[in-house]
């Protein structure tokens, strides 16, 4: 089974009312995106996967005490992470090495951006 099919089934399992159009929007794309890539048997784009991961993260923040759905969403996020890493992994590198590099880069960017706020920019207009 293709990754895309597994992803869609997992999302339908977590959200039984999910439509193809709503799934396309969760991917951050137009209403017909999912139908189009499915018909053409194209892989879902990396940008769409990252958008879906963000969408799921927001849904988890809004969720109240539905542990079963929370576990399903965590599982979907792991699927997305593995797929992205597999897409970027070189032939000679292992999954763990690539993931370590990605997570180290994310941690570095996070530590640089947290707490280092300066003055707000402003424009002086002469009147």
PDB file of N, CA and C in Angstrom:
ATOM      1  N   UNK A   1       0.838  -1.176   0.000  1.00  0.00           N
ATOM      2  CA  UNK A   1       0.000   0.000   0.000  1.00  0.00           C
ATOM      3  C   UNK A   1       0.887   1.245   0.000  1.00  0.00           C
ATOM      4  N   UNK A   2       0.531   2.230  -0.787  1.00  0.00           N
ATOM      5  CA  UNK A   2       1.282   3.483  -0.865  1.00  0.00           C
ATOM      6  C   UNK A   2       1.150   4.278   0.424  1.00  0.00           C
ATOM      7  N   UNK A   3       2.176   5.076   0.709  1.00  0.00           N
ATOM      8  CA  UNK A   3       2.165   5.923   1.897  1.00  0.00           C
ATOM      9  C   UNK A   3       0.935   6.824   1.899  1.00  0.00           C
ATOM     10  N   UNK A   4       0.623   7.405   0.743  1.00  0.00           N
ATOM     11  CA  UNK A   4      -0.504   8.328   0.640  1.00  0.00           C
ATOM     12  C   UNK A   4      -1.818   7.652   1.037  1.00  0.00           C
ATOM     13  N   UNK A   5      -2.009   6.412   0.608  1.00  0.00           N
ATOM     14  CA  UNK A   5      -3.224   5.676   0.956  1.00  0.00           C
ATOM     15  C   UNK A   5      -3.287   5.403   2.456  1.00  0.00           C
ATOM     16  N   UNK A   6      -2.149   5.018   3.026  1.00  0.00           N
ATOM     17  CA  UNK A   6      -2.094   4.767   4.470  1.00  0.00           C
ATOM     18  C   UNK A   6      -2.382   6.039   5.261  1.00  0.00           C
ATOM     19  N   UNK A   7      -1.834   7.151   4.781  1.00  0.00           N
ATOM     20  CA  UNK A   7      -2.036   8.436   5.450  1.00  0.00           C
ATOM     21  C   UNK A   7      -3.514   8.822   5.430  1.00  0.00           C
ATOM     22  N   UNK A   8      -4.139   8.701   4.286  1.00  0.00           N
ATOM     23  CA  UNK A   8      -5.553   9.057   4.171  1.00  0.00           C
ATOM     24  C   UNK A   8      -6.421   8.151   5.045  1.00  0.00           C
ATOM     25  N   UNK A   9      -6.128   6.857   5.046  1.00  0.00           N
ATOM     26  CA  UNK A   9      -6.887   5.919   5.895  1.00  0.00           C
ATOM     27  C   UNK A   9      -6.723   6.260   7.374  1.00  0.00           C
ATOM     28  N   UNK A  10      -5.495   6.611   7.766  1.00  0.00           N
ATOM     29  CA  UNK A  10      -5.238   6.958   9.171  1.00  0.00           C
ATOM     30  C   UNK A  10      -6.004   8.223   9.562  1.00  0.00           C
ATOM     31  N   UNK A  11      -6.037   9.199   8.665  1.00  0.00           N
ATOM     32  CA  UNK A  11      -6.789  10.427   8.957  1.00  0.00           C
ATOM     33  C   UNK A  11      -8.289  10.143   9.017  1.00  0.00           C
ATOM     34  N   UNK A  12      -8.784   9.287   8.140  1.00  0.00           N
ATOM     35  CA  UNK A  12     -10.211   8.927   8.173  1.00  0.00           C
ATOM     36  C   UNK A  12     -10.548   8.143   9.437  1.00  0.00           C
ATOM     37  N   UNK A  13      -9.580   7.374   9.927  1.00  0.00           N
ATOM     38  CA  UNK A  13      -9.783   6.644  11.174  1.00  0.00           C
ATOM     39  C   UNK A  13      -9.881   7.621  12.349  1.00  0.00           C
ATOM     40  N   UNK A  14      -9.048   8.653  12.332  1.00  0.00           N
ATOM     41  CA  UNK A  14      -9.064   9.646  13.408  1.00  0.00           C
ATOM     42  C   UNK A  14     -10.270  10.579  13.293  1.00  0.00           C
ATOM     43  N   UNK A  15     -10.661  10.885  12.062  1.00  0.00           N
ATOM     44  CA  UNK A  15     -11.793  11.778  11.802  1.00  0.00           C
ATOM     45  C   UNK A  15     -12.733  11.112  10.803  1.00  0.00           C
ATOM     46  N   UNK A  16     -13.673  10.310  11.276  1.00  0.00           N
ATOM     47  CA  UNK A  16     -14.563   9.559  10.380  1.00  0.00           C
ATOM     48  C   UNK A  16     -15.386  10.433   9.427  1.00  0.00           C
ATOM     49  N   UNK A  17     -15.641  11.671   9.760  1.00  0.00           N
ATOM     50  CA  UNK A  17     -16.424  12.575   8.915  1.00  0.00           C
ATOM     51  C   UNK A  17     -15.572  13.290   7.861  1.00  0.00           C
ATOM     52  N   UNK A  18     -14.286  12.983   7.803  1.00  0.00           N
ATOM     53  CA  UNK A  18     -13.359  13.679   6.916  1.00  0.00           C
ATOM     54  C   UNK A  18     -13.720  13.466   5.449  1.00  0.00           C
ATOM     55  N   UNK A  19     -13.790  14.567   4.711  1.00  0.00           N
ATOM     56  CA  UNK A  19     -14.040  14.486   3.275  1.00  0.00           C
ATOM     57  C   UNK A  19     -12.720  14.686   2.534  1.00  0.00           C
ATOM     58  N   UNK A  20     -12.718  14.362   1.258  1.00  0.00           N
ATOM     59  CA  UNK A  20     -11.527  14.541   0.429  1.00  0.00           C
ATOM     60  C   UNK A  20     -11.156  16.022   0.370  1.00  0.00           C
ATOM     61  N   UNK A  21     -12.159  16.876   0.252  1.00  0.00           N
ATOM     62  CA  UNK A  21     -11.899  18.319   0.214  1.00  0.00           C
ATOM     63  C   UNK A  21     -11.331  18.824   1.541  1.00  0.00           C
ATOM     64  N   UNK A  22     -11.896  18.356   2.640  1.00  0.00           N
ATOM     65  CA  UNK A  22     -11.402  18.775   3.955  1.00  0.00           C
ATOM     66  C   UNK A  22      -9.972  18.283   4.170  1.00  0.00           C
ATOM     67  N   UNK A  23      -9.671  17.091   3.674  1.00  0.00           N
ATOM     68  CA  UNK A  23      -8.313  16.563   3.785  1.00  0.00           C
ATOM     69  C   UNK A  23      -7.353  17.415   2.958  1.00  0.00           C
ATOM     70  N   UNK A  24      -7.774  17.827   1.774  1.00  0.00           N
ATOM     71  CA  UNK A  24      -6.943  18.705   0.945  1.00  0.00           C
ATOM     72  C   UNK A  24      -6.642  20.000   1.685  1.00  0.00           C
ATOM     73  N   UNK A  25      -7.644  20.550   2.368  1.00  0.00           N
ATOM     74  CA  UNK A  25      -7.435  21.787   3.131  1.00  0.00           C
ATOM     75  C   UNK A  25      -6.524  21.540   4.330  1.00  0.00           C
ATOM     76  N   UNK A  26      -6.630  20.376   4.969  1.00  0.00           N
ATOM     77  CA  UNK A  26      -5.744  20.040   6.091  1.00  0.00           C
ATOM     78  C   UNK A  26      -4.295  19.947   5.612  1.00  0.00           C
ATOM     79  N   UNK A  27      -4.114  19.580   4.352  1.00  0.00           N
ATOM     80  CA  UNK A  27      -2.784  19.535   3.744  1.00  0.00           C
ATOM     81  C   UNK A  27      -2.302  20.937   3.346  1.00  0.00           C
ATOM     82  N   UNK A  28      -3.174  21.922   3.541  1.00  0.00           N
ATOM     83  CA  UNK A  28      -2.824  23.297   3.198  1.00  0.00           C
ATOM     84  C   UNK A  28      -2.931  23.589   1.714  1.00  0.00           C
ATOM     85  N   UNK A  29      -3.708  22.793   1.011  1.00  0.00           N
ATOM     86  CA  UNK A  29      -3.813  22.925  -0.440  1.00  0.00           C
ATOM     87  C   UNK A  29      -5.253  23.222  -0.855  1.00  0.00           C
ATOM     88  N   UNK A  30      -5.462  23.368  -2.150  1.00  0.00           N
ATOM     89  CA  UNK A  30      -6.798  23.655  -2.673  1.00  0.00           C
ATOM     90  C   UNK A  30      -7.703  22.431  -2.518  1.00  0.00           C
ATOM     91  N   UNK A  31      -8.989  22.651  -2.680  1.00  0.00           N
ATOM     92  CA  UNK A  31      -9.990  21.595  -2.472  1.00  0.00           C
ATOM     93  C   UNK A  31      -9.758  20.348  -3.322  1.00  0.00           C
ATOM     94  N   UNK A  32      -9.247  20.506  -4.526  1.00  0.00           N
ATOM     95  CA  UNK A  32      -9.078  19.369  -5.426  1.00  0.00           C
ATOM     96  C   UNK A  32      -7.710  18.718  -5.381  1.00  0.00           C
ATOM     97  N   UNK A  33      -6.847  19.167  -4.471  1.00  0.00           N
ATOM     98  CA  UNK A  33      -5.465  18.666  -4.422  1.00  0.00           C
ATOM     99  C   UNK A  33      -5.401  17.154  -4.237  1.00  0.00           C
ATOM    100  N   UNK A  34      -6.083  16.643  -3.232  1.00  0.00           N
ATOM    101  CA  UNK A  34      -5.993  15.218  -2.927  1.00  0.00           C
ATOM    102  C   UNK A  34      -6.524  14.376  -4.084  1.00  0.00           C
ATOM    103  N   UNK A  35      -7.643  14.767  -4.654  1.00  0.00           N
ATOM    104  CA  UNK A  35      -8.208  14.024  -5.785  1.00  0.00           C
ATOM    105  C   UNK A  35      -7.246  14.019  -6.960  1.00  0.00           C
ATOM    106  N   UNK A  36      -6.610  15.148  -7.198  1.00  0.00           N
ATOM    107  CA  UNK A  36      -5.686  15.273  -8.321  1.00  0.00           C
ATOM    108  C   UNK A  36      -4.463  14.380  -8.162  1.00  0.00           C
ATOM    109  N   UNK A  37      -3.815  14.446  -6.996  1.00  0.00           N
ATOM    110  CA  UNK A  37      -2.603  13.624  -6.838  1.00  0.00           C
ATOM    111  C   UNK A  37      -2.939  12.146  -6.767  1.00  0.00           C
ATOM    112  N   UNK A  38      -4.109  11.816  -6.235  1.00  0.00           N
ATOM    113  CA  UNK A  38      -4.519  10.420  -6.180  1.00  0.00           C
ATOM    114  C   UNK A  38      -4.773   9.887  -7.590  1.00  0.00           C
ATOM    115  N   UNK A  39      -5.459  10.662  -8.407  1.00  0.00           N
ATOM    116  CA  UNK A  39      -5.756  10.241  -9.777  1.00  0.00           C
ATOM    117  C   UNK A  39      -4.476  10.071 -10.597  1.00  0.00           C
ATOM    118  N   UNK A  40      -3.499  10.929 -10.341  1.00  0.00           N
ATOM    119  CA  UNK A  40      -2.251  10.870 -11.089  1.00  0.00           C
ATOM    120  C   UNK A  40      -1.211   9.957 -10.436  1.00  0.00           C
ATOM    121  N   UNK A  41      -1.557   9.399  -9.280  1.00  0.00           N
ATOM    122  CA  UNK A  41      -0.652   8.550  -8.496  1.00  0.00           C
ATOM    123  C   UNK A  41       0.659   9.267  -8.185  1.00  0.00           C
ATOM    124  N   UNK A  42       0.548  10.546  -7.833  1.00  0.00           N
ATOM    125  CA  UNK A  42       1.706  11.349  -7.440  1.00  0.00           C
ATOM    126  C   UNK A  42       1.871  11.298  -5.929  1.00  0.00           C
ATOM    127  N   UNK A  43       3.085  11.482  -5.439  1.00  0.00           N
ATOM    128  CA  UNK A  43       3.265  11.559  -3.984  1.00  0.00           C
ATOM    129  C   UNK A  43       2.776  12.903  -3.470  1.00  0.00           C
ATOM    130  N   UNK A  44       2.295  12.916  -2.245  1.00  0.00           N
ATOM    131  CA  UNK A  44       1.900  14.169  -1.615  1.00  0.00           C
ATOM    132  C   UNK A  44       3.178  14.982  -1.396  1.00  0.00           C
ATOM    133  N   UNK A  45       3.114  16.282  -1.607  1.00  0.00           N
ATOM    134  CA  UNK A  45       4.314  17.112  -1.522  1.00  0.00           C
ATOM    135  C   UNK A  45       4.818  17.220  -0.086  1.00  0.00           C
ATOM    136  N   UNK A  46       6.095  17.518   0.048  1.00  0.00           N
ATOM    137  CA  UNK A  46       6.684  17.710   1.377  1.00  0.00           C
ATOM    138  C   UNK A  46       6.027  18.877   2.093  1.00  0.00           C
ATOM    139  N   UNK A  47       5.739  19.936   1.363  1.00  0.00           N
ATOM    140  CA  UNK A  47       5.078  21.105   1.956  1.00  0.00           C
ATOM    141  C   UNK A  47       3.718  20.696   2.508  1.00  0.00           C
ATOM    142  N   UNK A  48       2.974  19.901   1.743  1.00  0.00           N
ATOM    143  CA  UNK A  48       1.656  19.454   2.198  1.00  0.00           C
ATOM    144  C   UNK A  48       1.783  18.585   3.451  1.00  0.00           C
ATOM    145  N   UNK A  49       2.799  17.737   3.511  1.00  0.00           N
ATOM    146  CA  UNK A  49       3.001  16.901   4.703  1.00  0.00           C
ATOM    147  C   UNK A  49       3.307  17.766   5.927  1.00  0.00           C
ATOM    148  N   UNK A  50       4.123  18.772   5.748  1.00  0.00           N
ATOM    149  CA  UNK A  50       4.451  19.653   6.870  1.00  0.00           C
ATOM    150  C   UNK A  50       3.213  20.440   7.295  1.00  0.00           C
ATOM    151  N   UNK A  51       2.420  20.884   6.315  1.00  0.00           N
ATOM    152  CA  UNK A  51       1.166  21.572   6.648  1.00  0.00           C
ATOM    153  C   UNK A  51       0.232  20.661   7.427  1.00  0.00           C
ATOM    154  N   UNK A  52       0.152  19.391   7.016  1.00  0.00           N
ATOM    155  CA  UNK A  52      -0.708  18.435   7.719  1.00  0.00           C
ATOM    156  C   UNK A  52      -0.211  18.216   9.141  1.00  0.00           C
ATOM    157  N   UNK A  53       1.096  18.120   9.316  1.00  0.00           N
ATOM    158  CA  UNK A  53       1.650  17.956  10.653  1.00  0.00           C
ATOM    159  C   UNK A  53       1.279  19.152  11.535  1.00  0.00           C
ATOM    160  N   UNK A  54       1.373  20.355  10.987  1.00  0.00           N
ATOM    161  CA  UNK A  54       0.977  21.558  11.731  1.00  0.00           C
ATOM    162  C   UNK A  54      -0.518  21.537  12.052  1.00  0.00           C
ATOM    163  N   UNK A  55      -1.322  21.129  11.093  1.00  0.00           N
ATOM    164  CA  UNK A  55      -2.772  21.018  11.283  1.00  0.00           C
ATOM    165  C   UNK A  55      -3.085  20.062  12.438  1.00  0.00           C
ATOM    166  N   UNK A  56      -2.420  18.910  12.442  1.00  0.00           N
ATOM    167  CA  UNK A  56      -2.641  17.916  13.495  1.00  0.00           C
ATOM    168  C   UNK A  56      -2.210  18.471  14.847  1.00  0.00           C
ATOM    169  N   UNK A  57      -1.080  19.169  14.865  1.00  0.00           N
ATOM    170  CA  UNK A  57      -0.588  19.736  16.122  1.00  0.00           C
ATOM    171  C   UNK A  57      -1.602  20.731  16.692  1.00  0.00           C
ATOM    172  N   UNK A  58      -2.189  21.549  15.832  1.00  0.00           N
ATOM    173  CA  UNK A  58      -3.223  22.498  16.282  1.00  0.00           C
ATOM    174  C   UNK A  58      -4.451  21.758  16.801  1.00  0.00           C
ATOM    175  N   UNK A  59      -4.851  20.699  16.108  1.00  0.00           N
ATOM    176  CA  UNK A  59      -6.006  19.904  16.543  1.00  0.00           C
ATOM    177  C   UNK A  59      -5.746  19.285  17.913  1.00  0.00           C
ATOM    178  N   UNK A  60      -4.518  18.828  18.150  1.00  0.00           N
ATOM    179  CA  UNK A  60      -4.183  18.224  19.431  1.00  0.00           C
ATOM    180  C   UNK A  60      -4.263  19.256  20.557  1.00  0.00           C
ATOM    181  N   UNK A  61      -3.858  20.488  20.260  1.00  0.00           N
ATOM    182  CA  UNK A  61      -3.920  21.541  21.276  1.00  0.00           C
ATOM    183  C   UNK A  61      -5.359  21.864  21.662  1.00  0.00           C
ATOM    184  N   UNK A  62      -6.275  21.757  20.701  1.00  0.00           N
ATOM    185  CA  UNK A  62      -7.679  22.067  20.957  1.00  0.00           C
ATOM    186  C   UNK A  62      -8.472  20.890  21.531  1.00  0.00           C
ATOM    187  N   UNK A  63      -7.875  19.706  21.487  1.00  0.00           N
ATOM    188  CA  UNK A  63      -8.569  18.489  21.895  1.00  0.00           C
ATOM    189  C   UNK A  63      -8.680  18.395  23.415  1.00  0.00           C
ATOM    190  N   UNK A  64      -9.806  17.912  23.840  1.00  0.00           N
ATOM    191  CA  UNK A  64     -10.016  17.723  25.274  1.00  0.00           C
ATOM    192  C   UNK A  64     -10.243  16.252  25.580  1.00  0.00           C
ATOM    193  N   UNK A  65      -9.359  15.664  26.285  1.00  0.00           N
ATOM    194  CA  UNK A  65      -9.442  14.316  26.874  1.00  0.00           C
ATOM    195  C   UNK A  65      -9.989  13.215  25.961  1.00  0.00           C
ATOM    196  N   UNK A  66      -9.532  13.165  24.741  1.00  0.00           N
ATOM    197  CA  UNK A  66      -9.856  12.047  23.859  1.00  0.00           C
ATOM    198  C   UNK A  66      -8.553  11.308  23.582  1.00  0.00           C
ATOM    199  N   UNK A  67      -8.169  10.457  24.530  1.00  0.00           N
ATOM    200  CA  UNK A  67      -6.876   9.773  24.468  1.00  0.00           C
ATOM    201  C   UNK A  67      -6.738   8.887  23.233  1.00  0.00           C
ATOM    202  N   UNK A  68      -7.817   8.221  22.830  1.00  0.00           N
ATOM    203  CA  UNK A  68      -7.743   7.341  21.665  1.00  0.00           C
ATOM    204  C   UNK A  68      -7.418   8.141  20.403  1.00  0.00           C
ATOM    205  N   UNK A  69      -8.097   9.258  20.220  1.00  0.00           N
ATOM    206  CA  UNK A  69      -7.824  10.097  19.044  1.00  0.00           C
ATOM    207  C   UNK A  69      -6.428  10.700  19.138  1.00  0.00           C
ATOM    208  N   UNK A  70      -6.004  11.077  20.349  1.00  0.00           N
ATOM    209  CA  UNK A  70      -4.672  11.644  20.543  1.00  0.00           C
ATOM    210  C   UNK A  70      -3.597  10.638  20.105  1.00  0.00           C
ATOM    211  N   UNK A  71      -3.776   9.367  20.466  1.00  0.00           N
ATOM    212  CA  UNK A  71      -2.818   8.333  20.055  1.00  0.00           C
ATOM    213  C   UNK A  71      -2.807   8.166  18.540  1.00  0.00           C
ATOM    214  N   UNK A  72      -3.990   8.230  17.910  1.00  0.00           N
ATOM    215  CA  UNK A  72      -4.061   8.119  16.446  1.00  0.00           C
ATOM    216  C   UNK A  72      -3.331   9.281  15.786  1.00  0.00           C
ATOM    217  N   UNK A  73      -3.528  10.481  16.323  1.00  0.00           N
ATOM    218  CA  UNK A  73      -2.865  11.650  15.750  1.00  0.00           C
ATOM    219  C   UNK A  73      -1.356  11.593  15.945  1.00  0.00           C
ATOM    220  N   UNK A  74      -0.911  11.117  17.107  1.00  0.00           N
ATOM    221  CA  UNK A  74       0.526  10.927  17.330  1.00  0.00           C
ATOM    222  C   UNK A  74       1.097   9.931  16.323  1.00  0.00           C
ATOM    223  N   UNK A  75       0.354   8.876  16.062  1.00  0.00           N
ATOM    224  CA  UNK A  75       0.788   7.869  15.096  1.00  0.00           C
ATOM    225  C   UNK A  75       0.895   8.463  13.694  1.00  0.00           C
ATOM    226  N   UNK A  76      -0.059   9.305  13.323  1.00  0.00           N
ATOM    227  CA  UNK A  76      -0.022   9.948  12.009  1.00  0.00           C
ATOM    228  C   UNK A  76       1.187  10.874  11.916  1.00  0.00           C
ATOM    229  N   UNK A  77       1.475  11.601  12.986  1.00  0.00           N
ATOM    230  CA  UNK A  77       2.639  12.482  12.975  1.00  0.00           C
ATOM    231  C   UNK A  77       3.934  11.691  12.854  1.00  0.00           C
ATOM    232  N   UNK A  78       3.996  10.513  13.466  1.00  0.00           N
ATOM    233  CA  UNK A  78       5.181   9.671  13.303  1.00  0.00           C
ATOM    234  C   UNK A  78       5.297   9.184  11.861  1.00  0.00           C
ATOM    235  N   UNK A  79       4.161   8.839  11.249  1.00  0.00           N
ATOM    236  CA  UNK A  79       4.159   8.427   9.833  1.00  0.00           C
ATOM    237  C   UNK A  79       4.721   9.550   8.961  1.00  0.00           C
ATOM    238  N   UNK A  80       4.266  10.767   9.211  1.00  0.00           N
ATOM    239  CA  UNK A  80       4.708  11.919   8.430  1.00  0.00           C
ATOM    240  C   UNK A  80       6.213  12.134   8.619  1.00  0.00           C
ATOM    241  N   UNK A  81       6.667  12.095   9.863  1.00  0.00           N
ATOM    242  CA  UNK A  81       8.092  12.303  10.149  1.00  0.00           C
ATOM    243  C   UNK A  81       8.948  11.259   9.443  1.00  0.00           C
ATOM    244  N   UNK A  82       8.544  10.001   9.514  1.00  0.00           N
ATOM    245  CA  UNK A  82       9.312   8.936   8.855  1.00  0.00           C
ATOM    246  C   UNK A  82       9.342   9.133   7.349  1.00  0.00           C
ATOM    247  N   UNK A  83       8.215   9.515   6.779  1.00  0.00           N
ATOM    248  CA  UNK A  83       8.159   9.716   5.328  1.00  0.00           C
ATOM    249  C   UNK A  83       9.062  10.869   4.895  1.00  0.00           C
ATOM    250  N   UNK A  84       9.018  11.961   5.629  1.00  0.00           N
ATOM    251  CA  UNK A  84       9.868  13.107   5.272  1.00  0.00           C
ATOM    252  C   UNK A  84      11.340  12.734   5.394  1.00  0.00           C
ATOM    253  N   UNK A  85      11.695  12.061   6.462  1.00  0.00           N
ATOM    254  CA  UNK A  85      13.086  11.656   6.647  1.00  0.00           C
ATOM    255  C   UNK A  85      13.497  10.682   5.549  1.00  0.00           C
ATOM    256  N   UNK A  86      12.629   9.736   5.219  1.00  0.00           N
ATOM    257  CA  UNK A  86      12.957   8.790   4.146  1.00  0.00           C
ATOM    258  C   UNK A  86      13.165   9.499   2.816  1.00  0.00           C
ATOM    259  N   UNK A  87      12.404  10.536   2.574  1.00  0.00           N
ATOM    260  CA  UNK A  87      12.550  11.281   1.322  1.00  0.00           C
ATOM    261  C   UNK A  87      13.870  12.030   1.263  1.00  0.00           C
ATOM    262  N   UNK A  88      14.340  12.505   2.397  1.00  0.00           N
ATOM    263  CA  UNK A  88      15.572  13.285   2.413  1.00  0.00           C
ATOM    264  C   UNK A  88      16.822  12.457   2.714  1.00  0.00           C
ATOM    265  N   UNK A  89      16.632  11.234   3.130  1.00  0.00           N
ATOM    266  CA  UNK A  89      17.782  10.409   3.498  1.00  0.00           C
ATOM    267  C   UNK A  89      18.600  10.047   2.258  1.00  0.00           C
ATOM    268  N   UNK A  90      19.886  10.121   2.389  1.00  0.00           N
ATOM    269  CA  UNK A  90      20.769   9.688   1.314  1.00  0.00           C
ATOM    270  C   UNK A  90      20.922   8.174   1.386  1.00  0.00           C
ATOM    271  N   UNK A  91      21.382   7.585   0.306  1.00  0.00           N
ATOM    272  CA  UNK A  91      21.505   6.132   0.254  1.00  0.00           C
ATOM    273  C   UNK A  91      22.416   5.586   1.344  1.00  0.00           C
ATOM    274  N   UNK A  92      23.458   6.306   1.709  1.00  0.00           N
ATOM    275  CA  UNK A  92      24.435   5.790   2.668  1.00  0.00           C
ATOM    276  C   UNK A  92      24.116   6.123   4.114  1.00  0.00           C
ATOM    277  N   UNK A  93      23.119   6.970   4.350  1.00  0.00           N
ATOM    278  CA  UNK A  93      22.821   7.371   5.714  1.00  0.00           C
ATOM    279  C   UNK A  93      21.623   6.606   6.248  1.00  0.00           C
ATOM    280  N   UNK A  94      21.663   6.350   7.520  1.00  0.00           N
ATOM    281  CA  UNK A  94      20.554   5.634   8.138  1.00  0.00           C
ATOM    282  C   UNK A  94      19.475   6.624   8.566  1.00  0.00           C
ATOM    283  N   UNK A  95      18.306   6.107   8.817  1.00  0.00           N
ATOM    284  CA  UNK A  95      17.173   6.898   9.297  1.00  0.00           C
ATOM    285  C   UNK A  95      17.558   7.671  10.542  1.00  0.00           C
ATOM    286  N   UNK A  96      18.211   7.019  11.493  1.00  0.00           N
ATOM    287  CA  UNK A  96      18.566   7.657  12.761  1.00  0.00           C
ATOM    288  C   UNK A  96      19.538   8.809  12.567  1.00  0.00           C
ATOM    289  N   UNK A  97      20.522   8.652  11.683  1.00  0.00           N
ATOM    290  CA  UNK A  97      21.493   9.717  11.450  1.00  0.00           C
ATOM    291  C   UNK A  97      20.815  10.955  10.859  1.00  0.00           C
ATOM    292  N   UNK A  98      19.940  10.730   9.890  1.00  0.00           N
ATOM    293  CA  UNK A  98      19.249  11.846   9.264  1.00  0.00           C
ATOM    294  C   UNK A  98      18.329  12.524  10.269  1.00  0.00           C
ATOM    295  N   UNK A  99      17.583  11.740  11.025  1.00  0.00           N
ATOM    296  CA  UNK A  99      16.668  12.315  12.007  1.00  0.00           C
ATOM    297  C   UNK A  99      17.430  13.100  13.062  1.00  0.00           C
ATOM    298  N   UNK A 100      18.578  12.575  13.520  1.00  0.00           N
ATOM    299  CA  UNK A 100      19.393  13.302  14.494  1.00  0.00           C
ATOM    300  C   UNK A 100      19.838  14.648  13.935  1.00  0.00           C
ATOM    301  N   UNK A 101      20.228  14.656  12.668  1.00  0.00           N
ATOM    302  CA  UNK A 101      20.674  15.896  12.043  1.00  0.00           C
ATOM    303  C   UNK A 101      19.518  16.894  11.933  1.00  0.00           C
ATOM    304  N   UNK A 102      18.359  16.421  11.523  1.00  0.00           N
ATOM    305  CA  UNK A 102      17.195  17.291  11.402  1.00  0.00           C
ATOM    306  C   UNK A 102      16.791  17.846  12.764  1.00  0.00           C
ATOM    307  N   UNK A 103      16.701  16.992  13.774  1.00  0.00           N
ATOM    308  CA  UNK A 103      16.274  17.457  15.090  1.00  0.00           C
ATOM    309  C   UNK A 103      17.315  18.386  15.716  1.00  0.00           C
ATOM    310  N   UNK A 104      18.606  18.146  15.455  1.00  0.00           N
ATOM    311  CA  UNK A 104      19.644  19.030  15.977  1.00  0.00           C
ATOM    312  C   UNK A 104      19.510  20.416  15.332  1.00  0.00           C
ATOM    313  N   UNK A 105      19.245  20.443  14.061  1.00  0.00           N
ATOM    314  CA  UNK A 105      19.059  21.708  13.354  1.00  0.00           C
ATOM    315  C   UNK A 105      17.848  22.458  13.899  1.00  0.00           C
ATOM    316  N   UNK A 106      16.765  21.737  14.151  1.00  0.00           N
ATOM    317  CA  UNK A 106      15.566  22.364  14.705  1.00  0.00           C
ATOM    318  C   UNK A 106      15.826  22.925  16.095  1.00  0.00           C
ATOM    319  N   UNK A 107      16.553  22.166  16.923  1.00  0.00           N
ATOM    320  CA  UNK A 107      16.865  22.640  18.275  1.00  0.00           C
ATOM    321  C   UNK A 107      17.740  23.886  18.219  1.00  0.00           C
ATOM    322  N   UNK A 108      18.699  23.887  17.295  1.00  0.00           N
ATOM    323  CA  UNK A 108      19.593  25.028  17.157  1.00  0.00           C
ATOM    324  C   UNK A 108      18.793  26.267  16.752  1.00  0.00           C
ATOM    325  N   UNK A 109      17.905  26.129  15.786  1.00  0.00           N
ATOM    326  CA  UNK A 109      17.085  27.257  15.347  1.00  0.00           C
ATOM    327  C   UNK A 109      16.162  27.734  16.447  1.00  0.00           C
ATOM    328  N   UNK A 110      15.643  26.794  17.243  1.00  0.00           N
ATOM    329  CA  UNK A 110      14.737  27.158  18.318  1.00  0.00           C
ATOM    330  C   UNK A 110      15.469  27.934  19.407  1.00  0.00           C
ATOM    331  N   UNK A 111      16.692  27.507  19.748  1.00  0.00           N
ATOM    332  CA  UNK A 111      17.424  28.196  20.809  1.00  0.00           C
ATOM    333  C   UNK A 111      17.875  29.579  20.362  1.00  0.00           C
ATOM    334  N   UNK A 112      18.127  29.744  19.074  1.00  0.00           N
ATOM    335  CA  UNK A 112      18.529  31.051  18.562  1.00  0.00           C
ATOM    336  C   UNK A 112      17.362  32.024  18.610  1.00  0.00           C
ATOM    337  N   UNK A 113      16.175  31.547  18.300  1.00  0.00           N
ATOM    338  CA  UNK A 113      15.037  32.449  18.194  1.00  0.00           C
ATOM    339  C   UNK A 113      14.310  32.698  19.510  1.00  0.00           C
ATOM    340  N   UNK A 114      14.555  31.907  20.535  1.00  0.00           N
ATOM    341  CA  UNK A 114      13.787  32.086  21.765  1.00  0.00           C
ATOM    342  C   UNK A 114      14.446  33.103  22.688  1.00  0.00           C
ATOM    343  N   UNK A 115      13.667  34.119  23.048  1.00  0.00           N
ATOM    344  CA  UNK A 115      14.126  35.074  24.036  1.00  0.00           C
ATOM    345  C   UNK A 115      15.038  36.168  23.522  1.00  0.00           C
ATOM    346  N   UNK A 116      15.349  36.211  22.258  1.00  0.00           N
ATOM    347  CA  UNK A 116      16.236  37.235  21.723  1.00  0.00           C
ATOM    348  C   UNK A 116      15.438  38.279  20.952  1.00  0.00           C
ATOM    349  N   UNK A 117      14.591  38.973  21.652  1.00  0.00           N
ATOM    350  CA  UNK A 117      13.770  39.982  21.010  1.00  0.00           C
ATOM    351  C   UNK A 117      14.441  41.333  21.149  1.00  0.00           C
ATOM    352  N   UNK A 118      14.460  42.089  20.077  1.00  0.00           N
ATOM    353  CA  UNK A 118      15.031  43.427  20.101  1.00  0.00           C
ATOM    354  C   UNK A 118      13.921  44.450  19.973  1.00  0.00           C
ATOM    355  N   UNK A 119      14.333  45.654  19.714  1.00  0.00           N
ATOM    356  CA  UNK A 119      13.368  46.737  19.556  1.00  0.00           C
ATOM    357  C   UNK A 119      12.552  46.525  18.285  1.00  0.00           C
ATOM    358  N   UNK A 120      11.321  46.955  18.336  1.00  0.00           N
ATOM    359  CA  UNK A 120      10.452  46.857  17.174  1.00  0.00           C
ATOM    360  C   UNK A 120      10.935  47.832  16.106  1.00  0.00           C
ATOM    361  N   UNK A 121      10.939  47.442  14.853  1.00  0.00           N
ATOM    362  CA  UNK A 121      11.340  48.372  13.798  1.00  0.00           C
ATOM    363  C   UNK A 121      10.297  49.473  13.625  1.00  0.00           C
ATOM    364  N   UNK A 122      10.722  50.618  13.223  1.00  0.00           N
ATOM    365  CA  UNK A 122       9.785  51.711  12.985  1.00  0.00           C
ATOM    366  C   UNK A 122      10.258  52.539  11.799  1.00  0.00           C
ATOM    367  N   UNK A 123       9.359  53.298  11.260  1.00  0.00           N
ATOM    368  CA  UNK A 123       9.671  54.149  10.121  1.00  0.00           C
ATOM    369  C   UNK A 123       9.379  55.586  10.511  1.00  0.00           C
ATOM    370  N   UNK A 124      10.297  56.459  10.239  1.00  0.00           N
ATOM    371  CA  UNK A 124      10.084  57.883  10.511  1.00  0.00           C
ATOM    372  C   UNK A 124       9.597  58.542   9.229  1.00  0.00           C
ATOM    373  N   UNK A 125       8.493  59.232   9.328  1.00  0.00           N
ATOM    374  CA  UNK A 125       7.923  59.905   8.178  1.00  0.00           C
ATOM    375  C   UNK A 125       8.047  61.400   8.404  1.00  0.00           C
ATOM    376  N   UNK A 126       8.596  62.055   7.449  1.00  0.00           N
ATOM    377  CA  UNK A 126       8.725  63.523   7.541  1.00  0.00           C
ATOM    378  C   UNK A 126       7.513  64.146   6.888  1.00  0.00           C
ATOM    379  N   UNK A 127       6.867  64.987   7.587  1.00  0.00           N
ATOM    380  CA  UNK A 127       5.633  65.542   7.073  1.00  0.00           C
ATOM    381  C   UNK A 127       5.623  66.930   6.732  1.00  0.00           C
TER     382      UNK A 127
END
